[in-house]
């Protein structure tokens, strides 16, 4: 049981060797753009497939440098929470 826990923490989930959350965002943006461009401008989908693969390769490279990229994106979303400051200061401070 301990090995499974360590493995889950040490090896975050991946989709075809890329971090899961950025890979899903990449596909979630590029597929609708591809279908809209095919319908509106009658563009060749091969161009977009090359872009999807290039984006995925870039995510694989970024995932090799920082394996916890998905967790970093999730944590970055928490920084936009508005806080109330206990003391009057400039900017937002992480105080309750």
PDB file of N, CA and C in Angstrom:
ATOM      1  N   UNK A   1       0.817  -1.193   0.000  1.00  0.00           N
ATOM      2  CA  UNK A   1       0.000   0.000   0.000  1.00  0.00           C
ATOM      3  C   UNK A   1       0.860   1.254   0.000  1.00  0.00           C
ATOM      4  N   UNK A   2       1.912   1.263   0.740  1.00  0.00           N
ATOM      5  CA  UNK A   2       2.772   2.440   0.807  1.00  0.00           C
ATOM      6  C   UNK A   2       3.417   2.710  -0.552  1.00  0.00           C
ATOM      7  N   UNK A   3       3.781   1.674  -1.290  1.00  0.00           N
ATOM      8  CA  UNK A   3       4.393   1.854  -2.602  1.00  0.00           C
ATOM      9  C   UNK A   3       3.416   2.507  -3.574  1.00  0.00           C
ATOM     10  N   UNK A   4       2.136   2.151  -3.508  1.00  0.00           N
ATOM     11  CA  UNK A   4       1.145   2.742  -4.396  1.00  0.00           C
ATOM     12  C   UNK A   4       1.010   4.229  -4.118  1.00  0.00           C
ATOM     13  N   UNK A   5       1.026   4.611  -2.853  1.00  0.00           N
ATOM     14  CA  UNK A   5       0.910   6.012  -2.488  1.00  0.00           C
ATOM     15  C   UNK A   5       2.123   6.795  -2.973  1.00  0.00           C
ATOM     16  N   UNK A   6       3.298   6.274  -2.751  1.00  0.00           N
ATOM     17  CA  UNK A   6       4.504   6.949  -3.201  1.00  0.00           C
ATOM     18  C   UNK A   6       4.540   7.045  -4.727  1.00  0.00           C
ATOM     19  N   UNK A   7       4.087   6.011  -5.409  1.00  0.00           N
ATOM     20  CA  UNK A   7       4.079   6.021  -6.868  1.00  0.00           C
ATOM     21  C   UNK A   7       3.102   7.073  -7.394  1.00  0.00           C
ATOM     22  N   UNK A   8       1.951   7.229  -6.757  1.00  0.00           N
ATOM     23  CA  UNK A   8       0.967   8.217  -7.202  1.00  0.00           C
ATOM     24  C   UNK A   8       1.479   9.634  -6.993  1.00  0.00           C
ATOM     25  N   UNK A   9       2.208   9.856  -5.926  1.00  0.00           N
ATOM     26  CA  UNK A   9       2.735  11.188  -5.666  1.00  0.00           C
ATOM     27  C   UNK A   9       3.934  11.476  -6.554  1.00  0.00           C
ATOM     28  N   UNK A  10       4.797  10.498  -6.715  1.00  0.00           N
ATOM     29  CA  UNK A  10       6.023  10.707  -7.479  1.00  0.00           C
ATOM     30  C   UNK A  10       5.771  10.733  -8.984  1.00  0.00           C
ATOM     31  N   UNK A  11       4.755  10.042  -9.456  1.00  0.00           N
ATOM     32  CA  UNK A  11       4.476   9.977 -10.888  1.00  0.00           C
ATOM     33  C   UNK A  11       3.049  10.464 -11.151  1.00  0.00           C
ATOM     34  N   UNK A  12       2.877  11.758 -11.400  1.00  0.00           N
ATOM     35  CA  UNK A  12       1.533  12.279 -11.647  1.00  0.00           C
ATOM     36  C   UNK A  12       0.948  11.718 -12.937  1.00  0.00           C
ATOM     37  N   UNK A  13      -0.385  11.772 -13.111  1.00  0.00           N
ATOM     38  CA  UNK A  13      -1.019  11.186 -14.292  1.00  0.00           C
ATOM     39  C   UNK A  13      -0.583  11.865 -15.585  1.00  0.00           C
ATOM     40  N   UNK A  14      -0.507  11.050 -16.639  1.00  0.00           N
ATOM     41  CA  UNK A  14      -0.067  11.541 -17.947  1.00  0.00           C
ATOM     42  C   UNK A  14      -0.997  11.012 -19.031  1.00  0.00           C
ATOM     43  N   UNK A  15      -1.069  11.751 -20.131  1.00  0.00           N
ATOM     44  CA  UNK A  15      -1.803  11.332 -21.321  1.00  0.00           C
ATOM     45  C   UNK A  15      -0.789  11.313 -22.457  1.00  0.00           C
ATOM     46  N   UNK A  16      -0.433  10.137 -22.927  1.00  0.00           N
ATOM     47  CA  UNK A  16       0.579   9.985 -23.975  1.00  0.00           C
ATOM     48  C   UNK A  16       1.848  10.752 -23.630  1.00  0.00           C
ATOM     49  N   UNK A  17       2.377  10.532 -22.451  1.00  0.00           N
ATOM     50  CA  UNK A  17       3.630  11.072 -21.918  1.00  0.00           C
ATOM     51  C   UNK A  17       3.588  12.563 -21.592  1.00  0.00           C
ATOM     52  N   UNK A  18       2.484  13.225 -21.753  1.00  0.00           N
ATOM     53  CA  UNK A  18       2.358  14.643 -21.400  1.00  0.00           C
ATOM     54  C   UNK A  18       1.542  14.760 -20.113  1.00  0.00           C
ATOM     55  N   UNK A  19       1.764  15.811 -19.321  1.00  0.00           N
ATOM     56  CA  UNK A  19       0.940  16.006 -18.118  1.00  0.00           C
ATOM     57  C   UNK A  19      -0.537  16.086 -18.479  1.00  0.00           C
ATOM     58  N   UNK A  20      -1.391  15.499 -17.651  1.00  0.00           N
ATOM     59  CA  UNK A  20      -2.789  15.289 -18.015  1.00  0.00           C
ATOM     60  C   UNK A  20      -3.575  16.588 -18.225  1.00  0.00           C
ATOM     61  N   UNK A  21      -3.541  17.506 -17.285  1.00  0.00           N
ATOM     62  CA  UNK A  21      -4.365  18.714 -17.384  1.00  0.00           C
ATOM     63  C   UNK A  21      -3.969  19.583 -18.582  1.00  0.00           C
ATOM     64  N   UNK A  22      -2.667  19.884 -18.798  1.00  0.00           N
ATOM     65  CA  UNK A  22      -2.330  20.680 -19.987  1.00  0.00           C
ATOM     66  C   UNK A  22      -2.653  19.962 -21.302  1.00  0.00           C
ATOM     67  N   UNK A  23      -2.526  18.637 -21.332  1.00  0.00           N
ATOM     68  CA  UNK A  23      -2.850  17.901 -22.552  1.00  0.00           C
ATOM     69  C   UNK A  23      -4.347  17.978 -22.859  1.00  0.00           C
ATOM     70  N   UNK A  24      -5.179  17.885 -21.839  1.00  0.00           N
ATOM     71  CA  UNK A  24      -6.624  17.980 -22.050  1.00  0.00           C
ATOM     72  C   UNK A  24      -7.010  19.402 -22.474  1.00  0.00           C
ATOM     73  N   UNK A  25      -6.373  20.408 -21.865  1.00  0.00           N
ATOM     74  CA  UNK A  25      -6.637  21.792 -22.270  1.00  0.00           C
ATOM     75  C   UNK A  25      -6.209  22.003 -23.717  1.00  0.00           C
ATOM     76  N   UNK A  26      -5.058  21.465 -24.089  1.00  0.00           N
ATOM     77  CA  UNK A  26      -4.564  21.587 -25.463  1.00  0.00           C
ATOM     78  C   UNK A  26      -5.564  20.999 -26.455  1.00  0.00           C
ATOM     79  N   UNK A  27      -6.025  19.801 -26.198  1.00  0.00           N
ATOM     80  CA  UNK A  27      -6.983  19.164 -27.106  1.00  0.00           C
ATOM     81  C   UNK A  27      -8.344  19.853 -27.051  1.00  0.00           C
ATOM     82  N   UNK A  28      -8.740  20.301 -25.873  1.00  0.00           N
ATOM     83  CA  UNK A  28     -10.029  20.964 -25.717  1.00  0.00           C
ATOM     84  C   UNK A  28     -10.113  22.294 -26.446  1.00  0.00           C
ATOM     85  N   UNK A  29      -8.992  22.929 -26.671  1.00  0.00           N
ATOM     86  CA  UNK A  29      -8.981  24.187 -27.427  1.00  0.00           C
ATOM     87  C   UNK A  29      -8.775  23.930 -28.911  1.00  0.00           C
ATOM     88  N   UNK A  30      -7.838  23.052 -29.249  1.00  0.00           N
ATOM     89  CA  UNK A  30      -7.464  22.902 -30.653  1.00  0.00           C
ATOM     90  C   UNK A  30      -8.485  22.121 -31.484  1.00  0.00           C
ATOM     91  N   UNK A  31      -9.179  21.152 -30.900  1.00  0.00           N
ATOM     92  CA  UNK A  31     -10.180  20.418 -31.688  1.00  0.00           C
ATOM     93  C   UNK A  31     -11.359  21.293 -32.112  1.00  0.00           C
ATOM     94  N   UNK A  32     -11.962  22.079 -31.212  1.00  0.00           N
ATOM     95  CA  UNK A  32     -13.049  22.950 -31.690  1.00  0.00           C
ATOM     96  C   UNK A  32     -12.593  23.984 -32.716  1.00  0.00           C
ATOM     97  N   UNK A  33     -11.381  24.529 -32.520  1.00  0.00           N
ATOM     98  CA  UNK A  33     -10.865  25.490 -33.503  1.00  0.00           C
ATOM     99  C   UNK A  33     -10.680  24.807 -34.858  1.00  0.00           C
ATOM    100  N   UNK A  34     -10.196  23.566 -34.841  1.00  0.00           N
ATOM    101  CA  UNK A  34     -10.005  22.830 -36.092  1.00  0.00           C
ATOM    102  C   UNK A  34     -11.343  22.607 -36.796  1.00  0.00           C
ATOM    103  N   UNK A  35     -12.359  22.179 -36.055  1.00  0.00           N
ATOM    104  CA  UNK A  35     -13.653  21.908 -36.686  1.00  0.00           C
ATOM    105  C   UNK A  35     -14.324  23.190 -37.175  1.00  0.00           C
ATOM    106  N   UNK A  36     -14.160  24.280 -36.431  1.00  0.00           N
ATOM    107  CA  UNK A  36     -14.728  25.545 -36.897  1.00  0.00           C
ATOM    108  C   UNK A  36     -14.021  26.034 -38.155  1.00  0.00           C
ATOM    109  N   UNK A  37     -12.704  25.905 -38.198  1.00  0.00           N
ATOM    110  CA  UNK A  37     -11.949  26.330 -39.381  1.00  0.00           C
ATOM    111  C   UNK A  37     -12.282  25.455 -40.581  1.00  0.00           C
ATOM    112  N   UNK A  38     -12.503  24.169 -40.335  1.00  0.00           N
ATOM    113  CA  UNK A  38     -12.889  23.287 -41.447  1.00  0.00           C
ATOM    114  C   UNK A  38     -14.260  23.683 -41.992  1.00  0.00           C
ATOM    115  N   UNK A  39     -15.175  24.040 -41.103  1.00  0.00           N
ATOM    116  CA  UNK A  39     -16.530  24.378 -41.538  1.00  0.00           C
ATOM    117  C   UNK A  39     -16.643  25.754 -42.147  1.00  0.00           C
ATOM    118  N   UNK A  40     -15.957  26.736 -41.567  1.00  0.00           N
ATOM    119  CA  UNK A  40     -16.105  28.116 -42.010  1.00  0.00           C
ATOM    120  C   UNK A  40     -15.187  28.436 -43.179  1.00  0.00           C
ATOM    121  N   UNK A  41     -13.899  28.117 -43.035  1.00  0.00           N
ATOM    122  CA  UNK A  41     -12.915  28.522 -44.035  1.00  0.00           C
ATOM    123  C   UNK A  41     -12.503  27.390 -44.964  1.00  0.00           C
ATOM    124  N   UNK A  42     -13.052  26.198 -44.762  1.00  0.00           N
ATOM    125  CA  UNK A  42     -12.731  25.036 -45.601  1.00  0.00           C
ATOM    126  C   UNK A  42     -11.220  24.765 -45.636  1.00  0.00           C
ATOM    127  N   UNK A  43     -10.593  24.812 -44.455  1.00  0.00           N
ATOM    128  CA  UNK A  43      -9.157  24.550 -44.343  1.00  0.00           C
ATOM    129  C   UNK A  43      -8.896  23.057 -44.223  1.00  0.00           C
ATOM    130  N   UNK A  44      -7.699  22.668 -44.594  1.00  0.00           N
ATOM    131  CA  UNK A  44      -7.279  21.277 -44.527  1.00  0.00           C
ATOM    132  C   UNK A  44      -7.020  20.890 -43.066  1.00  0.00           C
ATOM    133  N   UNK A  45      -7.633  19.809 -42.574  1.00  0.00           N
ATOM    134  CA  UNK A  45      -7.411  19.417 -41.169  1.00  0.00           C
ATOM    135  C   UNK A  45      -6.000  18.909 -40.900  1.00  0.00           C
ATOM    136  N   UNK A  46      -5.252  18.560 -41.928  1.00  0.00           N
ATOM    137  CA  UNK A  46      -3.888  18.085 -41.738  1.00  0.00           C
ATOM    138  C   UNK A  46      -3.025  19.169 -41.094  1.00  0.00           C
ATOM    139  N   UNK A  47      -3.259  20.423 -41.451  1.00  0.00           N
ATOM    140  CA  UNK A  47      -2.538  21.538 -40.850  1.00  0.00           C
ATOM    141  C   UNK A  47      -2.760  21.570 -39.340  1.00  0.00           C
ATOM    142  N   UNK A  48      -4.000  21.382 -38.906  1.00  0.00           N
ATOM    143  CA  UNK A  48      -4.307  21.429 -37.478  1.00  0.00           C
ATOM    144  C   UNK A  48      -3.797  20.200 -36.758  1.00  0.00           C
ATOM    145  N   UNK A  49      -3.777  19.065 -37.410  1.00  0.00           N
ATOM    146  CA  UNK A  49      -3.251  17.859 -36.777  1.00  0.00           C
ATOM    147  C   UNK A  49      -1.756  18.023 -36.516  1.00  0.00           C
ATOM    148  N   UNK A  50      -1.053  18.656 -37.444  1.00  0.00           N
ATOM    149  CA  UNK A  50       0.373  18.938 -37.222  1.00  0.00           C
ATOM    150  C   UNK A  50       0.539  19.884 -36.036  1.00  0.00           C
ATOM    151  N   UNK A  51      -0.336  20.892 -35.924  1.00  0.00           N
ATOM    152  CA  UNK A  51      -0.268  21.815 -34.785  1.00  0.00           C
ATOM    153  C   UNK A  51      -0.588  21.112 -33.464  1.00  0.00           C
ATOM    154  N   UNK A  52      -1.544  20.198 -33.484  1.00  0.00           N
ATOM    155  CA  UNK A  52      -1.894  19.453 -32.268  1.00  0.00           C
ATOM    156  C   UNK A  52      -0.715  18.592 -31.826  1.00  0.00           C
ATOM    157  N   UNK A  53      -0.074  17.938 -32.760  1.00  0.00           N
ATOM    158  CA  UNK A  53       1.081  17.096 -32.427  1.00  0.00           C
ATOM    159  C   UNK A  53       2.246  17.957 -31.938  1.00  0.00           C
ATOM    160  N   UNK A  54       2.480  19.101 -32.584  1.00  0.00           N
ATOM    161  CA  UNK A  54       3.562  19.993 -32.148  1.00  0.00           C
ATOM    162  C   UNK A  54       3.288  20.515 -30.733  1.00  0.00           C
ATOM    163  N   UNK A  55       2.052  20.872 -30.452  1.00  0.00           N
ATOM    164  CA  UNK A  55       1.702  21.323 -29.108  1.00  0.00           C
ATOM    165  C   UNK A  55       1.876  20.227 -28.078  1.00  0.00           C
ATOM    166  N   UNK A  56       1.531  19.002 -28.463  1.00  0.00           N
ATOM    167  CA  UNK A  56       1.673  17.881 -27.539  1.00  0.00           C
ATOM    168  C   UNK A  56       3.149  17.590 -27.270  1.00  0.00           C
ATOM    169  N   UNK A  57       3.977  17.679 -28.298  1.00  0.00           N
ATOM    170  CA  UNK A  57       5.416  17.476 -28.106  1.00  0.00           C
ATOM    171  C   UNK A  57       5.978  18.554 -27.178  1.00  0.00           C
ATOM    172  N   UNK A  58       5.510  19.799 -27.346  1.00  0.00           N
ATOM    173  CA  UNK A  58       5.959  20.865 -26.447  1.00  0.00           C
ATOM    174  C   UNK A  58       5.533  20.575 -25.010  1.00  0.00           C
ATOM    175  N   UNK A  59       4.336  20.025 -24.822  1.00  0.00           N
ATOM    176  CA  UNK A  59       3.892  19.661 -23.474  1.00  0.00           C
ATOM    177  C   UNK A  59       4.719  18.510 -22.904  1.00  0.00           C
ATOM    178  N   UNK A  60       5.108  17.582 -23.743  1.00  0.00           N
ATOM    179  CA  UNK A  60       5.959  16.478 -23.275  1.00  0.00           C
ATOM    180  C   UNK A  60       7.290  17.023 -22.789  1.00  0.00           C
ATOM    181  N   UNK A  61       7.871  17.957 -23.556  1.00  0.00           N
ATOM    182  CA  UNK A  61       9.150  18.548 -23.153  1.00  0.00           C
ATOM    183  C   UNK A  61       8.992  19.330 -21.855  1.00  0.00           C
ATOM    184  N   UNK A  62       7.914  20.114 -21.746  1.00  0.00           N
ATOM    185  CA  UNK A  62       7.679  20.868 -20.510  1.00  0.00           C
ATOM    186  C   UNK A  62       7.425  19.919 -19.337  1.00  0.00           C
ATOM    187  N   UNK A  63       6.751  18.795 -19.596  1.00  0.00           N
ATOM    188  CA  UNK A  63       6.491  17.813 -18.552  1.00  0.00           C
ATOM    189  C   UNK A  63       7.740  17.091 -18.090  1.00  0.00           C
ATOM    190  N   UNK A  64       8.718  16.955 -18.975  1.00  0.00           N
ATOM    191  CA  UNK A  64       9.985  16.342 -18.569  1.00  0.00           C
ATOM    192  C   UNK A  64      10.761  17.265 -17.640  1.00  0.00           C
ATOM    193  N   UNK A  65      10.676  18.579 -17.899  1.00  0.00           N
ATOM    194  CA  UNK A  65      11.377  19.533 -17.037  1.00  0.00           C
ATOM    195  C   UNK A  65      10.668  19.691 -15.692  1.00  0.00           C
ATOM    196  N   UNK A  66       9.340  19.723 -15.718  1.00  0.00           N
ATOM    197  CA  UNK A  66       8.551  19.887 -14.492  1.00  0.00           C
ATOM    198  C   UNK A  66       7.449  18.838 -14.474  1.00  0.00           C
ATOM    199  N   UNK A  67       7.664  17.684 -13.826  1.00  0.00           N
ATOM    200  CA  UNK A  67       6.686  16.599 -13.871  1.00  0.00           C
ATOM    201  C   UNK A  67       5.354  16.926 -13.207  1.00  0.00           C
ATOM    202  N   UNK A  68       5.316  17.885 -12.297  1.00  0.00           N
ATOM    203  CA  UNK A  68       4.082  18.215 -11.586  1.00  0.00           C
ATOM    204  C   UNK A  68       3.410  19.453 -12.179  1.00  0.00           C
ATOM    205  N   UNK A  69       3.451  19.583 -13.493  1.00  0.00           N
ATOM    206  CA  UNK A  69       2.875  20.739 -14.177  1.00  0.00           C
ATOM    207  C   UNK A  69       1.361  20.812 -13.980  1.00  0.00           C
ATOM    208  N   UNK A  70       0.685  19.680 -13.958  1.00  0.00           N
ATOM    209  CA  UNK A  70      -0.765  19.670 -13.741  1.00  0.00           C
ATOM    210  C   UNK A  70      -1.115  20.226 -12.371  1.00  0.00           C
ATOM    211  N   UNK A  71      -0.380  19.796 -11.351  1.00  0.00           N
ATOM    212  CA  UNK A  71      -0.645  20.277  -9.995  1.00  0.00           C
ATOM    213  C   UNK A  71      -0.315  21.760  -9.868  1.00  0.00           C
ATOM    214  N   UNK A  72       0.699  22.221 -10.581  1.00  0.00           N
ATOM    215  CA  UNK A  72       1.042  23.632 -10.538  1.00  0.00           C
ATOM    216  C   UNK A  72      -0.073  24.472 -11.159  1.00  0.00           C
ATOM    217  N   UNK A  73      -0.691  23.996 -12.232  1.00  0.00           N
ATOM    218  CA  UNK A  73      -1.803  24.729 -12.840  1.00  0.00           C
ATOM    219  C   UNK A  73      -3.009  24.764 -11.917  1.00  0.00           C
ATOM    220  N   UNK A  74      -3.288  23.662 -11.240  1.00  0.00           N
ATOM    221  CA  UNK A  74      -4.396  23.646 -10.283  1.00  0.00           C
ATOM    222  C   UNK A  74      -4.142  24.598  -9.125  1.00  0.00           C
ATOM    223  N   UNK A  75      -2.921  24.637  -8.627  1.00  0.00           N
ATOM    224  CA  UNK A  75      -2.586  25.522  -7.511  1.00  0.00           C
ATOM    225  C   UNK A  75      -2.611  26.983  -7.954  1.00  0.00           C
ATOM    226  N   UNK A  76      -2.247  27.255  -9.205  1.00  0.00           N
ATOM    227  CA  UNK A  76      -2.262  28.626  -9.707  1.00  0.00           C
ATOM    228  C   UNK A  76      -3.680  29.174  -9.735  1.00  0.00           C
ATOM    229  N   UNK A  77      -4.657  28.324  -9.968  1.00  0.00           N
ATOM    230  CA  UNK A  77      -6.044  28.760  -9.960  1.00  0.00           C
ATOM    231  C   UNK A  77      -6.498  29.223  -8.598  1.00  0.00           C
ATOM    232  N   UNK A  78      -5.881  28.741  -7.537  1.00  0.00           N
ATOM    233  CA  UNK A  78      -6.251  29.140  -6.184  1.00  0.00           C
ATOM    234  C   UNK A  78      -5.713  30.522  -5.817  1.00  0.00           C
ATOM    235  N   UNK A  79      -4.776  31.064  -6.586  1.00  0.00           N
ATOM    236  CA  UNK A  79      -4.193  32.360  -6.232  1.00  0.00           C
ATOM    237  C   UNK A  79      -5.111  33.518  -6.577  1.00  0.00           C
ATOM    238  N   UNK A  80      -6.173  33.298  -7.342  1.00  0.00           N
ATOM    239  CA  UNK A  80      -7.088  34.364  -7.697  1.00  0.00           C
ATOM    240  C   UNK A  80      -8.210  34.552  -6.678  1.00  0.00           C
ATOM    241  N   UNK A  81      -8.175  33.841  -5.586  1.00  0.00           N
ATOM    242  CA  UNK A  81      -9.194  33.974  -4.557  1.00  0.00           C
ATOM    243  C   UNK A  81      -8.999  35.320  -3.867  1.00  0.00           C
ATOM    244  N   UNK A  82     -10.062  36.099  -3.808  1.00  0.00           N
ATOM    245  CA  UNK A  82      -9.992  37.406  -3.157  1.00  0.00           C
ATOM    246  C   UNK A  82      -9.929  37.221  -1.648  1.00  0.00           C
ATOM    247  N   UNK A  83      -9.011  37.917  -1.020  1.00  0.00           N
ATOM    248  CA  UNK A  83      -8.864  37.835   0.429  1.00  0.00           C
ATOM    249  C   UNK A  83      -9.127  39.207   1.034  1.00  0.00           C
ATOM    250  N   UNK A  84      -9.514  39.196   2.276  1.00  0.00           N
ATOM    251  CA  UNK A  84      -9.679  40.453   3.002  1.00  0.00           C
ATOM    252  C   UNK A  84      -8.483  40.609   3.922  1.00  0.00           C
ATOM    253  N   UNK A  85      -7.881  41.766   3.874  1.00  0.00           N
ATOM    254  CA  UNK A  85      -6.696  42.011   4.696  1.00  0.00           C
ATOM    255  C   UNK A  85      -7.100  42.405   6.107  1.00  0.00           C
ATOM    256  N   UNK A  86      -6.354  41.913   7.063  1.00  0.00           N
ATOM    257  CA  UNK A  86      -6.591  42.303   8.451  1.00  0.00           C
ATOM    258  C   UNK A  86      -6.089  43.721   8.704  1.00  0.00           C
ATOM    259  N   UNK A  87      -5.025  44.075   8.029  1.00  0.00           N
ATOM    260  CA  UNK A  87      -4.420  45.381   8.213  1.00  0.00           C
ATOM    261  C   UNK A  87      -4.417  46.114   6.878  1.00  0.00           C
ATOM    262  N   UNK A  88      -4.592  47.419   6.857  1.00  0.00           N
ATOM    263  CA  UNK A  88      -4.601  48.150   5.584  1.00  0.00           C
ATOM    264  C   UNK A  88      -3.202  48.191   4.963  1.00  0.00           C
ATOM    265  N   UNK A  89      -3.021  47.485   3.850  1.00  0.00           N
ATOM    266  CA  UNK A  89      -1.747  47.457   3.127  1.00  0.00           C
ATOM    267  C   UNK A  89      -2.050  47.497   1.637  1.00  0.00           C
ATOM    268  N   UNK A  90      -1.030  47.750   0.830  1.00  0.00           N
ATOM    269  CA  UNK A  90      -1.197  47.713  -0.617  1.00  0.00           C
ATOM    270  C   UNK A  90      -1.225  46.270  -1.094  1.00  0.00           C
ATOM    271  N   UNK A  91      -2.086  45.955  -2.056  1.00  0.00           N
ATOM    272  CA  UNK A  91      -2.131  44.631  -2.645  1.00  0.00           C
ATOM    273  C   UNK A  91      -2.864  43.623  -1.777  1.00  0.00           C
ATOM    274  N   UNK A  92      -2.904  42.386  -2.261  1.00  0.00           N
ATOM    275  CA  UNK A  92      -3.576  41.303  -1.544  1.00  0.00           C
ATOM    276  C   UNK A  92      -2.547  40.485  -0.778  1.00  0.00           C
ATOM    277  N   UNK A  93      -2.876  40.160   0.422  1.00  0.00           N
ATOM    278  CA  UNK A  93      -2.040  39.295   1.236  1.00  0.00           C
ATOM    279  C   UNK A  93      -2.846  38.046   1.555  1.00  0.00           C
ATOM    280  N   UNK A  94      -2.174  36.937   1.699  1.00  0.00           N
ATOM    281  CA  UNK A  94      -2.883  35.686   2.028  1.00  0.00           C
ATOM    282  C   UNK A  94      -3.085  35.610   3.532  1.00  0.00           C
ATOM    283  N   UNK A  95      -4.052  36.382   4.010  1.00  0.00           N
ATOM    284  CA  UNK A  95      -4.449  36.369   5.413  1.00  0.00           C
ATOM    285  C   UNK A  95      -5.931  36.090   5.470  1.00  0.00           C
ATOM    286  N   UNK A  96      -6.405  35.439   6.504  1.00  0.00           N
ATOM    287  CA  UNK A  96      -7.852  35.166   6.583  1.00  0.00           C
ATOM    288  C   UNK A  96      -8.655  36.428   6.856  1.00  0.00           C
TER     289      UNK A  96
END
